[in-house]
Amino acid sequence: MWPTIVNAIIIGIMLNKFLGFPLILSMLQVGFGQFVVITIIGVPLFNMIERKYGKRLKDLL
């Protein structure tokens, strides 16, 4: 959750300062986009990689 919140704040402020987009709307859109990508793509991808290569990664580290 923290990367989503931090990115929403930082990128939202940058969009507001440099491009003049509304601050709150920019933060909400970036945060929603980050959340969707992380939950729909990131978590299943992480689980798939961990199932397939988990033992090798634990041995390596």
N, C-alpha and C. Protein backbone atom coordinates (compact mmCIF):
# COMPACT_ATOMS: atom_id res chain seq x y z
N MET A 1 0.81 -1.20 0.00
CA MET A 1 0.00 0.00 0.00
C MET A 1 0.86 1.26 0.00
N TRP A 2 1.99 1.23 0.72
CA TRP A 2 2.80 2.46 0.82
C TRP A 2 3.31 2.97 -0.51
N PRO A 3 3.80 2.11 -1.39
CA PRO A 3 4.25 2.65 -2.68
C PRO A 3 3.11 3.32 -3.45
N THR A 4 1.91 2.78 -3.35
CA THR A 4 0.76 3.38 -4.02
C THR A 4 0.48 4.77 -3.47
N ILE A 5 0.48 4.90 -2.16
CA ILE A 5 0.18 6.19 -1.53
C ILE A 5 1.27 7.22 -1.84
N VAL A 6 2.52 6.80 -1.70
CA VAL A 6 3.63 7.72 -1.94
C VAL A 6 3.65 8.17 -3.41
N ASN A 7 3.47 7.24 -4.34
CA ASN A 7 3.44 7.61 -5.76
C ASN A 7 2.27 8.53 -6.06
N ALA A 8 1.11 8.25 -5.47
CA ALA A 8 -0.05 9.10 -5.71
C ALA A 8 0.22 10.53 -5.26
N ILE A 9 0.86 10.68 -4.12
CA ILE A 9 1.15 12.02 -3.60
C ILE A 9 2.19 12.73 -4.46
N ILE A 10 3.31 12.07 -4.69
CA ILE A 10 4.41 12.71 -5.42
C ILE A 10 4.03 13.00 -6.87
N ILE A 11 3.50 12.01 -7.58
CA ILE A 11 3.14 12.22 -8.98
C ILE A 11 1.97 13.18 -9.10
N GLY A 12 1.03 13.12 -8.16
CA GLY A 12 -0.09 14.06 -8.16
C GLY A 12 0.38 15.50 -8.02
N ILE A 13 1.33 15.74 -7.13
CA ILE A 13 1.89 17.08 -6.95
C ILE A 13 2.64 17.52 -8.21
N MET A 14 3.41 16.61 -8.80
CA MET A 14 4.14 16.96 -10.02
C MET A 14 3.19 17.30 -11.16
N LEU A 15 2.13 16.53 -11.33
CA LEU A 15 1.16 16.82 -12.38
C LEU A 15 0.50 18.18 -12.15
N ASN A 16 0.27 18.51 -10.88
CA ASN A 16 -0.34 19.79 -10.55
C ASN A 16 0.61 20.94 -10.84
N LYS A 17 1.84 20.82 -10.41
CA LYS A 17 2.81 21.91 -10.57
C LYS A 17 3.23 22.13 -12.02
N PHE A 18 3.53 21.03 -12.73
CA PHE A 18 4.09 21.17 -14.07
C PHE A 18 3.05 21.27 -15.18
N LEU A 19 1.92 20.60 -15.00
CA LEU A 19 0.92 20.57 -16.08
C LEU A 19 -0.39 21.26 -15.71
N GLY A 20 -0.53 21.67 -14.45
CA GLY A 20 -1.71 22.40 -14.03
C GLY A 20 -2.95 21.54 -13.82
N PHE A 21 -2.78 20.24 -13.66
CA PHE A 21 -3.93 19.36 -13.40
C PHE A 21 -4.43 19.59 -11.99
N PRO A 22 -5.72 19.35 -11.73
CA PRO A 22 -6.25 19.48 -10.37
C PRO A 22 -5.55 18.49 -9.42
N LEU A 23 -5.13 18.99 -8.26
CA LEU A 23 -4.29 18.21 -7.34
C LEU A 23 -4.99 16.95 -6.84
N ILE A 24 -6.15 17.09 -6.24
CA ILE A 24 -6.82 15.94 -5.63
C ILE A 24 -7.20 14.91 -6.70
N LEU A 25 -7.72 15.38 -7.82
CA LEU A 25 -8.09 14.46 -8.89
C LEU A 25 -6.87 13.70 -9.42
N SER A 26 -5.76 14.39 -9.57
CA SER A 26 -4.53 13.74 -10.03
C SER A 26 -4.06 12.68 -9.04
N MET A 27 -4.09 13.02 -7.76
CA MET A 27 -3.68 12.06 -6.73
C MET A 27 -4.59 10.83 -6.74
N LEU A 28 -5.87 11.04 -6.86
CA LEU A 28 -6.81 9.91 -6.86
C LEU A 28 -6.62 9.03 -8.09
N GLN A 29 -6.43 9.64 -9.24
CA GLN A 29 -6.26 8.86 -10.46
C GLN A 29 -4.97 8.05 -10.45
N VAL A 30 -3.88 8.67 -10.02
CA VAL A 30 -2.61 7.95 -9.94
C VAL A 30 -2.69 6.84 -8.90
N GLY A 31 -3.27 7.13 -7.75
CA GLY A 31 -3.41 6.12 -6.70
C GLY A 31 -4.27 4.96 -7.14
N PHE A 32 -5.38 5.24 -7.81
CA PHE A 32 -6.25 4.17 -8.29
C PHE A 32 -5.53 3.32 -9.34
N GLY A 33 -4.83 3.97 -10.25
CA GLY A 33 -4.09 3.23 -11.28
C GLY A 33 -3.02 2.34 -10.68
N GLN A 34 -2.29 2.85 -9.74
CA GLN A 34 -1.24 2.07 -9.06
C GLN A 34 -1.85 0.87 -8.33
N PHE A 35 -2.94 1.11 -7.62
CA PHE A 35 -3.59 0.05 -6.86
C PHE A 35 -4.08 -1.07 -7.78
N VAL A 36 -4.69 -0.68 -8.90
CA VAL A 36 -5.20 -1.68 -9.84
C VAL A 36 -4.05 -2.51 -10.42
N VAL A 37 -2.99 -1.85 -10.83
CA VAL A 37 -1.86 -2.57 -11.43
C VAL A 37 -1.21 -3.50 -10.42
N ILE A 38 -1.05 -3.04 -9.20
CA ILE A 38 -0.41 -3.87 -8.18
C ILE A 38 -1.28 -5.07 -7.84
N THR A 39 -2.59 -4.87 -7.65
CA THR A 39 -3.44 -5.98 -7.22
C THR A 39 -3.80 -6.93 -8.35
N ILE A 40 -4.01 -6.42 -9.56
CA ILE A 40 -4.43 -7.29 -10.66
C ILE A 40 -3.25 -7.97 -11.34
N ILE A 41 -2.14 -7.27 -11.49
CA ILE A 41 -0.98 -7.84 -12.20
C ILE A 41 0.12 -8.26 -11.23
N GLY A 42 0.46 -7.40 -10.30
CA GLY A 42 1.62 -7.63 -9.45
C GLY A 42 1.51 -8.81 -8.51
N VAL A 43 0.42 -8.92 -7.78
CA VAL A 43 0.27 -9.99 -6.80
C VAL A 43 0.21 -11.36 -7.47
N PRO A 44 -0.63 -11.56 -8.50
CA PRO A 44 -0.61 -12.88 -9.15
C PRO A 44 0.75 -13.22 -9.79
N LEU A 45 1.41 -12.23 -10.37
CA LEU A 45 2.72 -12.47 -10.97
C LEU A 45 3.74 -12.88 -9.91
N PHE A 46 3.73 -12.18 -8.79
CA PHE A 46 4.63 -12.51 -7.69
C PHE A 46 4.38 -13.93 -7.19
N ASN A 47 3.11 -14.29 -7.00
CA ASN A 47 2.77 -15.63 -6.53
C ASN A 47 3.20 -16.70 -7.52
N MET A 48 3.03 -16.44 -8.81
CA MET A 48 3.44 -17.40 -9.83
C MET A 48 4.95 -17.61 -9.81
N ILE A 49 5.70 -16.52 -9.74
CA ILE A 49 7.16 -16.61 -9.70
C ILE A 49 7.62 -17.31 -8.43
N GLU A 50 6.98 -17.00 -7.32
CA GLU A 50 7.36 -17.63 -6.06
C GLU A 50 7.08 -19.13 -6.08
N ARG A 51 5.96 -19.54 -6.65
CA ARG A 51 5.66 -20.98 -6.74
C ARG A 51 6.67 -21.69 -7.63
N LYS A 52 7.04 -21.06 -8.74
CA LYS A 52 7.92 -21.73 -9.70
C LYS A 52 9.38 -21.70 -9.27
N TYR A 53 9.84 -20.54 -8.76
CA TYR A 53 11.27 -20.37 -8.46
C TYR A 53 11.55 -20.11 -6.98
N GLY A 54 10.58 -20.30 -6.12
CA GLY A 54 10.74 -19.96 -4.70
C GLY A 54 11.89 -20.67 -4.03
N LYS A 55 12.02 -21.97 -4.26
CA LYS A 55 13.09 -22.73 -3.62
C LYS A 55 14.45 -22.27 -4.11
N ARG A 56 14.59 -22.01 -5.41
CA ARG A 56 15.87 -21.54 -5.96
C ARG A 56 16.24 -20.17 -5.38
N LEU A 57 15.26 -19.30 -5.26
CA LEU A 57 15.53 -17.96 -4.72
C LEU A 57 15.94 -18.03 -3.25
N LYS A 58 15.30 -18.91 -2.48
CA LYS A 58 15.67 -19.05 -1.07
C LYS A 58 17.08 -19.62 -0.93
N ASP A 59 17.42 -20.58 -1.79
CA ASP A 59 18.76 -21.14 -1.75
C ASP A 59 19.80 -20.12 -2.17
N LEU A 60 19.45 -19.28 -3.15
CA LEU A 60 20.37 -18.28 -3.65
C LEU A 60 20.63 -17.19 -2.60
N LEU A 61 19.60 -16.79 -1.92
CA LEU A 61 19.73 -15.73 -0.92
C LEU A 61 20.07 -16.31 0.42
